[in-house]
Amino acid sequence: MISGTGVRSLLLQTGIGPIDAIIGLFVSIVLGIVNFAAQVLPTVLLALLVLGVGYVVADRLDTFVFEWALENDVDGKAGDTPASAVVADEDGVATAAGQLVRYLVLVVAVVAAIRVLNLSELQELLDIVIGYVPNVVAAAVLLVVGFGVGRIVRSLVPGLVDRTALGDSFPTTHFGRVVDADGGTVGRLAGIAVEYYVYLVTLYVVAATLAIGSVAGVLGAAVSYVPTLLGALVLLLLGAIVADYVGTVVRGVDEVADSPFESLVTGGVQAVVYLFTVVIALDVAGVDATLLGLLLLAVVLPVGLAFALAFGLSVGYGGQDYVEQYLGTDEAAE
């Protein structure tokens, strides 16, 4: 270890005083800082310039997209879609579109600035981020297209359904009267169902595009199941129409129309048709309808046999006066 006396002797031998040594050390530090700044400062200034230009471009594009959306009434067109529930502001969709463009441009600017600075620690992360940006853009485009297609489909489906007999037949059925349906009810419901199915498919594609596996899995299962569920609902609708038609046919039979049990017979037959329809619809929808089927066999058929037996006995015995009066009326008419 060199003592203070040794250092002083060394400086005297070299002809350098302590003040000169301190000044030399300070000059060396300053020159090092200047050299480092001369090498780094242009890069930093260039990165700041890139950020500034990116901010200006992002702000201009934000304003441009916002004004374009207002001119084309994007918020009005999105009023009947789920987008209106996501954004609560009056110009929410236009604002969201502008901000999306703004942030995308800012992300690109930050990535470019970091590349200029050559910060290797962040380079790998930024490569992932910049590689993900196209997916975000594609997802945004898919959302816009999907919501647009959903609106178009909703406006077309009711007209197509109204051309069939379903729109006019359903309101006259028992179930149609219960729900107070009119001639356009089936068409409107079909339009809404198809519209939201398009939205569901859109969300599934968006989740798959963004590589959100768990969400995409749930939405994919829903996309696969919804057509089955809609098929079951169509079966229920057809069953209601068939039940009403069967009731009309039964009501038109002379023996039933002239009996005091006309309403009971017609209602019983329609109830059986409804029950069979429900069993079939549940089976189509993937619901285990075994229990309901057994209940149908265990209750409906015995009740039907008991009703038929009671009806026959009442006509044969208890209904003799009614039959004699009916026959006497026919003879008088002849």
Protein backbone atom coordinates (compact mmCIF):
# COMPACT_ATOMS: atom_id res chain seq x y z
CA MET A 1 0.00 0.00 0.00
CA ILE A 2 1.37 3.44 -1.04
CA SER A 3 1.43 6.02 1.76
CA GLY A 4 0.83 9.74 1.41
CA THR A 5 4.58 10.40 1.63
CA GLY A 6 5.18 7.94 -1.24
CA VAL A 7 2.60 9.63 -3.48
CA ARG A 8 4.12 13.02 -2.77
CA SER A 9 7.59 11.70 -3.63
CA LEU A 10 6.25 10.15 -6.86
CA LEU A 11 4.65 13.42 -7.97
CA LEU A 12 7.89 15.33 -7.19
CA GLN A 13 9.93 12.86 -9.25
CA THR A 14 7.62 13.20 -12.28
CA GLY A 15 7.40 16.95 -11.99
CA ILE A 16 3.58 16.97 -11.63
CA GLY A 17 2.03 18.78 -8.71
CA PRO A 18 -1.16 17.68 -6.93
CA ILE A 19 -3.21 20.52 -8.47
CA ASP A 20 -2.08 19.57 -11.96
CA ALA A 21 -3.04 15.95 -11.34
CA ILE A 22 -6.54 16.92 -10.19
CA ILE A 23 -6.98 19.19 -13.19
CA GLY A 24 -5.85 16.45 -15.52
CA LEU A 25 -8.29 13.99 -14.00
CA PHE A 26 -11.15 16.48 -14.32
CA VAL A 27 -10.23 17.23 -17.94
CA SER A 28 -10.19 13.51 -18.71
CA ILE A 29 -13.67 13.06 -17.19
CA VAL A 30 -15.04 16.03 -19.11
CA LEU A 31 -13.52 14.83 -22.38
CA GLY A 32 -15.00 11.39 -21.78
CA ILE A 33 -18.44 12.87 -21.20
CA VAL A 34 -18.11 15.07 -24.29
CA ASN A 35 -17.02 12.15 -26.43
CA PHE A 36 -19.88 10.03 -25.12
CA ALA A 37 -22.37 12.85 -25.73
CA ALA A 38 -20.95 13.38 -29.23
CA GLN A 39 -21.60 9.74 -29.98
CA VAL A 40 -24.98 9.37 -28.25
CA LEU A 41 -26.57 12.81 -28.64
CA PRO A 42 -27.28 12.58 -32.40
CA THR A 43 -28.94 9.20 -31.87
CA VAL A 44 -31.03 10.54 -28.99
CA LEU A 45 -32.01 13.61 -30.98
CA LEU A 46 -32.99 11.42 -33.94
CA ALA A 47 -35.11 9.21 -31.66
CA LEU A 48 -36.81 12.29 -30.20
CA LEU A 49 -37.43 13.55 -33.72
CA VAL A 50 -39.03 10.24 -34.66
CA LEU A 51 -41.26 10.42 -31.59
CA GLY A 52 -42.24 14.00 -32.36
CA VAL A 53 -43.10 13.23 -35.97
CA GLY A 54 -45.06 10.16 -34.85
CA TYR A 55 -47.02 12.23 -32.34
CA VAL A 56 -47.91 14.85 -34.93
CA VAL A 57 -48.94 12.23 -37.50
CA ALA A 58 -50.99 10.36 -34.89
CA ASP A 59 -52.79 13.55 -33.85
CA ARG A 60 -53.58 14.50 -37.46
CA LEU A 61 -54.81 11.00 -38.34
CA ASP A 62 -56.93 10.92 -35.17
CA THR A 63 -58.65 14.14 -36.22
CA PHE A 64 -59.05 12.97 -39.82
CA VAL A 65 -60.62 9.63 -38.90
CA PHE A 66 -62.90 11.27 -36.33
CA GLU A 67 -64.20 13.84 -38.83
CA TRP A 68 -64.59 11.20 -41.54
CA ALA A 69 -66.64 9.02 -39.16
CA LEU A 70 -68.85 12.00 -38.29
CA GLU A 71 -69.41 12.89 -41.94
CA ASN A 72 -70.41 9.32 -42.78
CA ASP A 73 -72.65 8.99 -39.67
CA VAL A 74 -70.80 5.93 -38.38
CA ASP A 75 -72.32 6.37 -34.91
CA GLY A 76 -75.82 6.46 -36.37
CA LYS A 77 -75.21 3.31 -38.38
CA ALA A 78 -73.82 1.56 -35.31
CA GLY A 79 -76.78 2.59 -33.17
CA ASP A 80 -78.58 -0.76 -33.58
CA THR A 81 -75.48 -2.89 -33.05
CA PRO A 82 -73.74 -4.01 -29.85
CA ALA A 83 -71.18 -1.25 -30.44
CA SER A 84 -73.71 1.26 -29.12
CA ALA A 85 -73.71 -0.55 -25.78
CA VAL A 86 -69.91 -0.51 -25.58
CA VAL A 87 -69.52 3.24 -26.16
CA ALA A 88 -71.84 5.48 -24.19
CA ASP A 89 -70.85 8.87 -25.67
CA GLU A 90 -72.82 10.49 -28.45
CA ASP A 91 -69.87 10.26 -30.86
CA GLY A 92 -68.32 7.26 -29.14
CA VAL A 93 -67.67 5.13 -32.23
CA ALA A 94 -66.04 8.00 -34.13
CA THR A 95 -63.89 8.84 -31.11
CA ALA A 96 -62.88 5.20 -30.63
CA ALA A 97 -61.91 4.87 -34.30
CA GLY A 98 -59.74 7.98 -34.15
CA GLN A 99 -58.04 6.91 -30.94
CA LEU A 100 -57.36 3.45 -32.31
CA VAL A 101 -55.51 4.96 -35.28
CA ARG A 102 -53.69 7.37 -32.93
CA TYR A 103 -52.38 4.60 -30.68
CA LEU A 104 -51.35 2.41 -33.57
CA VAL A 105 -49.27 5.24 -35.04
CA LEU A 106 -47.76 5.99 -31.62
CA VAL A 107 -46.80 2.34 -31.18
CA VAL A 108 -45.06 2.39 -34.54
CA ALA A 109 -43.27 5.62 -33.60
CA VAL A 110 -42.06 4.20 -30.27
CA VAL A 111 -40.83 1.05 -31.98
CA ALA A 112 -38.94 3.13 -34.57
CA ALA A 113 -37.40 5.31 -31.84
CA ILE A 114 -36.18 2.29 -29.87
CA ARG A 115 -34.70 0.82 -33.02
CA VAL A 116 -32.83 4.09 -33.56
CA LEU A 117 -31.51 3.95 -29.98
CA ASN A 118 -30.53 0.32 -30.54
CA LEU A 119 -31.69 -0.77 -27.10
CA SER A 120 -31.21 -4.50 -27.42
CA GLU A 121 -32.96 -5.17 -24.11
CA LEU A 122 -36.26 -3.92 -25.50
CA GLN A 123 -35.77 -5.09 -29.06
CA GLU A 124 -37.18 -8.58 -28.55
CA LEU A 125 -40.24 -7.26 -26.73
CA LEU A 126 -40.85 -4.68 -29.42
CA ASP A 127 -40.56 -7.29 -32.13
CA ILE A 128 -43.40 -9.15 -30.44
CA VAL A 129 -45.45 -5.97 -30.11
CA ILE A 130 -44.90 -4.84 -33.69
CA GLY A 131 -45.69 -8.35 -34.90
CA TYR A 132 -48.99 -8.22 -33.01
CA VAL A 133 -50.10 -4.86 -34.46
CA PRO A 134 -51.31 -6.37 -37.78
CA ASN A 135 -53.51 -8.76 -35.79
CA VAL A 136 -55.06 -5.83 -33.92
CA VAL A 137 -55.70 -3.97 -37.18
CA ALA A 138 -57.21 -7.08 -38.76
CA ALA A 139 -59.40 -7.63 -35.69
CA ALA A 140 -60.67 -4.04 -35.86
CA VAL A 141 -61.48 -4.41 -39.55
CA LEU A 142 -63.26 -7.72 -38.90
CA LEU A 143 -65.38 -6.09 -36.18
CA VAL A 144 -66.45 -3.30 -38.50
CA VAL A 145 -67.23 -5.70 -41.34
CA GLY A 146 -69.03 -8.15 -39.05
CA PHE A 147 -71.24 -5.47 -37.50
CA GLY A 148 -72.03 -4.12 -40.97
CA VAL A 149 -72.96 -7.56 -42.28
CA GLY A 150 -75.11 -8.17 -39.22
CA ARG A 151 -77.12 -5.00 -39.85
CA ILE A 152 -77.60 -5.88 -43.52
CA VAL A 153 -78.72 -9.43 -42.71
CA ARG A 154 -81.18 -8.17 -40.10
CA SER A 155 -82.82 -5.96 -42.73
CA LEU A 156 -83.04 -8.77 -45.31
CA VAL A 157 -84.19 -11.78 -43.27
CA PRO A 158 -87.65 -10.48 -42.21
CA GLY A 159 -88.65 -9.96 -45.84
CA LEU A 160 -87.55 -13.46 -46.77
CA VAL A 161 -89.43 -15.02 -43.84
CA ASP A 162 -92.58 -13.01 -44.59
CA ARG A 163 -92.68 -14.58 -48.06
CA THR A 164 -93.28 -17.97 -46.46
CA ALA A 165 -96.39 -19.16 -44.67
CA LEU A 166 -94.72 -19.02 -41.27
CA GLY A 167 -95.26 -15.32 -40.76
CA ASP A 168 -99.02 -15.56 -41.34
CA SER A 169 -99.60 -18.96 -39.71
CA PHE A 170 -97.85 -18.48 -36.38
CA PRO A 171 -99.98 -15.58 -35.02
CA THR A 172 -103.14 -17.72 -35.37
CA THR A 173 -101.73 -20.57 -33.27
CA HIS A 174 -102.38 -20.96 -29.56
CA PHE A 175 -98.77 -20.10 -28.73
CA GLY A 176 -98.86 -17.12 -31.09
CA ARG A 177 -101.93 -15.75 -29.33
CA VAL A 178 -100.25 -16.25 -25.95
CA VAL A 179 -97.24 -14.12 -26.95
CA ASP A 180 -99.49 -11.64 -28.81
CA ALA A 181 -97.68 -12.20 -32.11
CA ASP A 182 -98.52 -10.43 -35.34
CA GLY A 183 -97.73 -11.12 -38.97
CA GLY A 184 -94.17 -9.78 -38.71
CA THR A 185 -93.15 -11.34 -35.40
CA VAL A 186 -91.47 -14.41 -36.88
CA GLY A 187 -89.59 -12.34 -39.42
CA ARG A 188 -88.33 -9.86 -36.83
CA LEU A 189 -87.23 -12.61 -34.45
CA ALA A 190 -85.48 -14.44 -37.28
CA GLY A 191 -83.70 -11.24 -38.31
CA ILE A 192 -82.51 -10.57 -34.75
CA ALA A 193 -81.37 -14.18 -34.30
CA VAL A 194 -79.37 -14.20 -37.52
CA GLU A 195 -77.91 -10.76 -36.81
CA TYR A 196 -76.58 -11.74 -33.40
CA TYR A 197 -75.31 -15.03 -34.75
CA VAL A 198 -73.25 -13.02 -37.26
CA TYR A 199 -71.95 -10.96 -34.33
CA LEU A 200 -71.05 -14.15 -32.47
CA VAL A 201 -69.15 -15.51 -35.46
CA THR A 202 -67.38 -12.16 -35.80
CA LEU A 203 -66.27 -12.19 -32.18
CA TYR A 204 -65.03 -15.76 -32.57
CA VAL A 205 -62.95 -14.82 -35.64
CA VAL A 206 -61.61 -11.74 -33.83
CA ALA A 207 -60.60 -13.80 -30.78
CA ALA A 208 -58.89 -16.34 -33.03
CA THR A 209 -57.11 -13.52 -34.91
CA LEU A 210 -55.85 -12.04 -31.63
CA ALA A 211 -54.75 -15.54 -30.52
CA ILE A 212 -56.88 -15.44 -27.36
CA GLY A 213 -57.22 -19.20 -27.09
CA SER A 214 -59.54 -19.51 -24.09
CA VAL A 215 -62.05 -16.95 -25.39
CA ALA A 216 -61.89 -18.38 -28.90
CA GLY A 217 -62.61 -21.85 -27.52
CA VAL A 218 -65.75 -20.72 -25.71
CA LEU A 219 -66.98 -18.69 -28.67
CA GLY A 220 -66.21 -21.55 -31.05
CA ALA A 221 -68.36 -23.91 -28.98
CA ALA A 222 -71.17 -21.33 -28.99
CA VAL A 223 -70.87 -20.87 -32.76
CA SER A 224 -71.22 -24.62 -33.23
CA TYR A 225 -74.18 -24.97 -30.86
CA VAL A 226 -76.31 -21.97 -31.86
CA PRO A 227 -77.47 -23.47 -35.21
CA THR A 228 -78.63 -26.56 -33.32
CA LEU A 229 -80.52 -24.40 -30.86
CA LEU A 230 -82.09 -22.38 -33.66
CA GLY A 231 -83.13 -25.64 -35.34
CA ALA A 232 -84.86 -26.71 -32.12
CA LEU A 233 -86.68 -23.36 -31.96
CA VAL A 234 -87.81 -23.75 -35.58
CA LEU A 235 -89.16 -27.18 -34.67
CA LEU A 236 -91.14 -25.64 -31.82
CA LEU A 237 -92.52 -23.06 -34.21
CA LEU A 238 -93.53 -25.72 -36.73
CA GLY A 239 -94.98 -27.81 -33.92
CA ALA A 240 -97.18 -24.90 -32.85
CA ILE A 241 -98.45 -24.54 -36.43
CA VAL A 242 -99.04 -28.30 -36.76
CA ALA A 243 -100.85 -28.39 -33.41
CA ASP A 244 -103.14 -25.57 -34.53
CA TYR A 245 -103.80 -27.33 -37.85
CA VAL A 246 -104.54 -30.63 -36.08
CA GLY A 247 -106.89 -28.82 -33.71
CA THR A 248 -108.74 -27.33 -36.67
CA VAL A 249 -109.04 -30.77 -38.31
CA VAL A 250 -110.32 -32.37 -35.10
CA ARG A 251 -112.73 -29.53 -34.53
CA GLY A 252 -114.10 -30.07 -38.04
CA VAL A 253 -115.06 -33.68 -37.37
CA ASP A 254 -118.87 -33.84 -37.00
CA GLU A 255 -118.81 -36.17 -34.03
CA VAL A 256 -116.48 -33.85 -32.14
CA ALA A 257 -118.11 -30.61 -33.24
CA ASP A 258 -121.56 -31.81 -32.09
CA SER A 259 -120.37 -33.19 -28.75
CA PRO A 260 -120.22 -31.24 -25.48
CA PHE A 261 -116.56 -32.22 -25.18
CA GLU A 262 -115.41 -30.42 -28.34
CA SER A 263 -113.05 -27.98 -26.55
CA LEU A 264 -111.65 -30.69 -24.31
CA VAL A 265 -110.95 -33.08 -27.19
CA THR A 266 -109.36 -30.39 -29.34
CA GLY A 267 -107.22 -29.09 -26.48
CA GLY A 268 -106.10 -32.58 -25.54
CA VAL A 269 -105.02 -33.40 -29.08
CA GLN A 270 -103.13 -30.10 -29.36
CA ALA A 271 -101.44 -30.73 -26.00
CA VAL A 272 -100.22 -34.12 -27.21
CA VAL A 273 -98.78 -32.54 -30.37
CA TYR A 274 -97.07 -29.86 -28.29
CA LEU A 275 -95.57 -32.44 -25.95
CA PHE A 276 -94.23 -34.54 -28.81
CA THR A 277 -92.80 -31.38 -30.40
CA VAL A 278 -91.05 -30.40 -27.16
CA VAL A 279 -89.54 -33.88 -26.81
CA ILE A 280 -88.20 -33.79 -30.38
CA ALA A 281 -86.92 -30.20 -30.00
CA LEU A 282 -85.09 -31.03 -26.79
CA ASP A 283 -83.51 -34.05 -28.44
CA VAL A 284 -82.37 -31.90 -31.38
CA ALA A 285 -80.95 -29.32 -28.95
CA GLY A 286 -78.88 -32.02 -27.30
CA VAL A 287 -80.90 -32.12 -24.08
CA ASP A 288 -81.64 -35.55 -22.67
CA ALA A 289 -85.40 -35.83 -23.18
CA THR A 290 -85.67 -39.43 -21.99
CA LEU A 291 -87.42 -38.45 -18.78
CA LEU A 292 -89.88 -36.24 -20.61
CA GLY A 293 -90.52 -38.99 -23.15
CA LEU A 294 -91.22 -41.50 -20.43
CA LEU A 295 -93.51 -38.99 -18.76
CA LEU A 296 -95.29 -38.53 -22.06
CA LEU A 297 -95.83 -42.27 -22.40
CA ALA A 298 -96.73 -42.75 -18.74
CA VAL A 299 -99.21 -39.89 -18.43
CA VAL A 300 -100.52 -38.78 -21.80
CA LEU A 301 -101.37 -42.19 -23.22
CA PRO A 302 -103.23 -43.50 -20.14
CA VAL A 303 -105.06 -40.19 -19.84
CA GLY A 304 -105.96 -40.39 -23.50
CA LEU A 305 -107.29 -43.94 -23.14
CA ALA A 306 -109.25 -42.99 -20.03
CA PHE A 307 -110.67 -39.98 -21.80
CA ALA A 308 -111.70 -42.06 -24.81
CA LEU A 309 -113.33 -44.65 -22.56
CA ALA A 310 -115.16 -41.98 -20.56
CA PHE A 311 -116.30 -40.28 -23.74
CA GLY A 312 -117.62 -43.53 -25.16
CA LEU A 313 -119.46 -44.45 -21.99
CA SER A 314 -120.98 -41.00 -21.66
CA VAL A 315 -122.25 -41.15 -25.21
CA GLY A 316 -123.52 -44.72 -24.76
CA TYR A 317 -125.22 -44.21 -21.41
CA GLY A 318 -125.15 -40.81 -19.85
CA GLY A 319 -125.56 -39.03 -23.19
CA GLN A 320 -128.70 -40.88 -24.36
CA ASP A 321 -130.95 -37.85 -23.93
CA TYR A 322 -128.60 -35.72 -25.98
CA VAL A 323 -128.47 -38.33 -28.73
CA GLU A 324 -132.27 -38.78 -28.79
CA GLN A 325 -132.75 -35.02 -28.98
CA TYR A 326 -130.21 -34.79 -31.74
CA LEU A 327 -131.85 -37.61 -33.75
CA GLY A 328 -135.30 -36.16 -33.17
CA THR A 329 -134.14 -32.83 -34.53
CA ASP A 330 -132.83 -34.54 -37.67
CA GLU A 331 -136.09 -36.41 -38.20
CA ALA A 332 -138.13 -33.24 -37.81
CA ALA A 333 -135.92 -31.54 -40.33
CA GLU A 334 -136.50 -34.32 -42.85
